[in-house]
Protein backbone atom coordinates (compact mmCIF):
# COMPACT_ATOMS: atom_id res chain seq x y z
CA MET A 1 -37.97 4.31 0.66
CA LYS A 2 -38.79 7.03 -1.83
CA LEU A 3 -37.72 10.53 -0.80
CA ALA A 4 -40.22 12.58 -2.81
CA TRP A 5 -43.65 11.45 -3.97
CA ASN A 6 -45.61 12.84 -6.91
CA ALA A 7 -49.33 12.88 -7.65
CA GLY A 8 -50.19 9.59 -9.35
CA ASP A 9 -47.48 7.53 -7.61
CA TYR A 10 -48.58 4.26 -5.96
CA ALA A 11 -47.49 2.77 -2.64
CA ALA A 12 -48.78 0.40 0.05
CA ASN A 13 -49.97 1.57 3.45
CA GLU A 14 -52.37 0.58 6.22
CA CYS A 15 -55.87 2.02 5.83
CA LYS A 16 -57.55 2.75 9.17
CA ARG A 17 -61.00 2.51 7.54
CA CYS A 18 -60.39 -0.81 5.70
CA HIS A 19 -58.35 -2.24 8.62
CA LYS A 20 -55.76 -3.77 6.29
CA VAL A 21 -52.72 -2.97 4.17
CA VAL A 22 -53.90 -1.64 0.82
CA ARG A 23 -52.53 -0.15 -2.37
CA THR A 24 -52.55 3.63 -2.09
CA ARG A 25 -52.23 6.48 -4.57
CA PHE A 26 -50.82 9.96 -4.01
CA GLU A 27 -53.27 12.73 -4.92
CA LEU A 28 -53.68 16.47 -4.45
CA ARG A 29 -56.56 17.14 -2.06
CA THR A 30 -57.90 19.85 0.22
CA VAL A 31 -56.93 19.09 3.83
CA ARG A 32 -58.75 20.53 6.85
CA LEU A 33 -56.40 21.26 9.73
CA ALA A 34 -57.30 19.62 13.04
CA ARG A 35 -59.07 21.82 15.60
CA SER A 36 -59.65 24.63 13.10
CA ARG A 37 -61.79 25.53 10.14
CA LEU A 38 -58.76 26.19 7.99
CA CYS A 39 -58.69 24.18 4.76
CA VAL A 40 -55.48 23.94 2.74
CA PRO A 41 -55.96 23.22 -0.98
CA ASP A 42 -53.68 21.16 -3.20
CA VAL A 43 -51.87 19.15 -0.52
CA LEU A 44 -50.23 15.91 -1.63
CA VAL A 45 -51.74 13.05 0.42
CA ASP A 46 -51.78 9.24 0.34
CA VAL A 47 -55.26 7.84 -0.48
CA CYS A 48 -56.65 4.29 -0.18
CA THR A 49 -57.59 2.97 -3.62
CA GLU A 50 -60.33 0.77 -2.11
CA CYS A 51 -62.34 3.25 0.01
CA ASP A 52 -60.92 6.66 -1.07
CA HIS A 53 -59.97 7.50 2.55
CA MET A 54 -56.92 9.71 3.18
CA VAL A 55 -54.35 7.37 4.72
CA SER A 56 -51.35 9.63 5.37
CA ILE A 57 -49.58 12.87 4.57
CA PRO A 58 -46.04 12.49 3.23
CA PRO A 59 -43.28 14.44 5.01
CA GLN A 60 -42.82 16.68 1.97
CA SER A 61 -46.35 18.12 2.49
CA VAL A 62 -45.84 19.06 6.16
CA PRO A 63 -44.15 22.44 5.48
CA GLN A 64 -47.13 23.47 3.31
CA LEU A 65 -49.53 22.66 6.17
CA ARG A 66 -47.37 24.43 8.75
CA GLU A 67 -47.17 27.54 6.60
CA ALA A 68 -50.96 27.61 6.19
CA GLY A 69 -51.47 27.12 9.94
CA VAL A 70 -49.06 29.93 10.89
CA GLY A 71 -50.59 32.36 8.43
CA LYS A 72 -54.10 32.29 9.87
């Protein structure tokens, strides 16, 4: 398992929208925090290459989201 991902890296993951295991790509995107209107720009996320749906957030991006949520 890779410890740190970079934008442009590829992986495989299960897409909830496609309902299958797909090839995914890591990209920087704006993420809206659940139960708030707060949007965090430039978060590294895992994206389905078939439907463009955000599949997951790698552990290395969690501190960035926590910091944004605390600072509101």
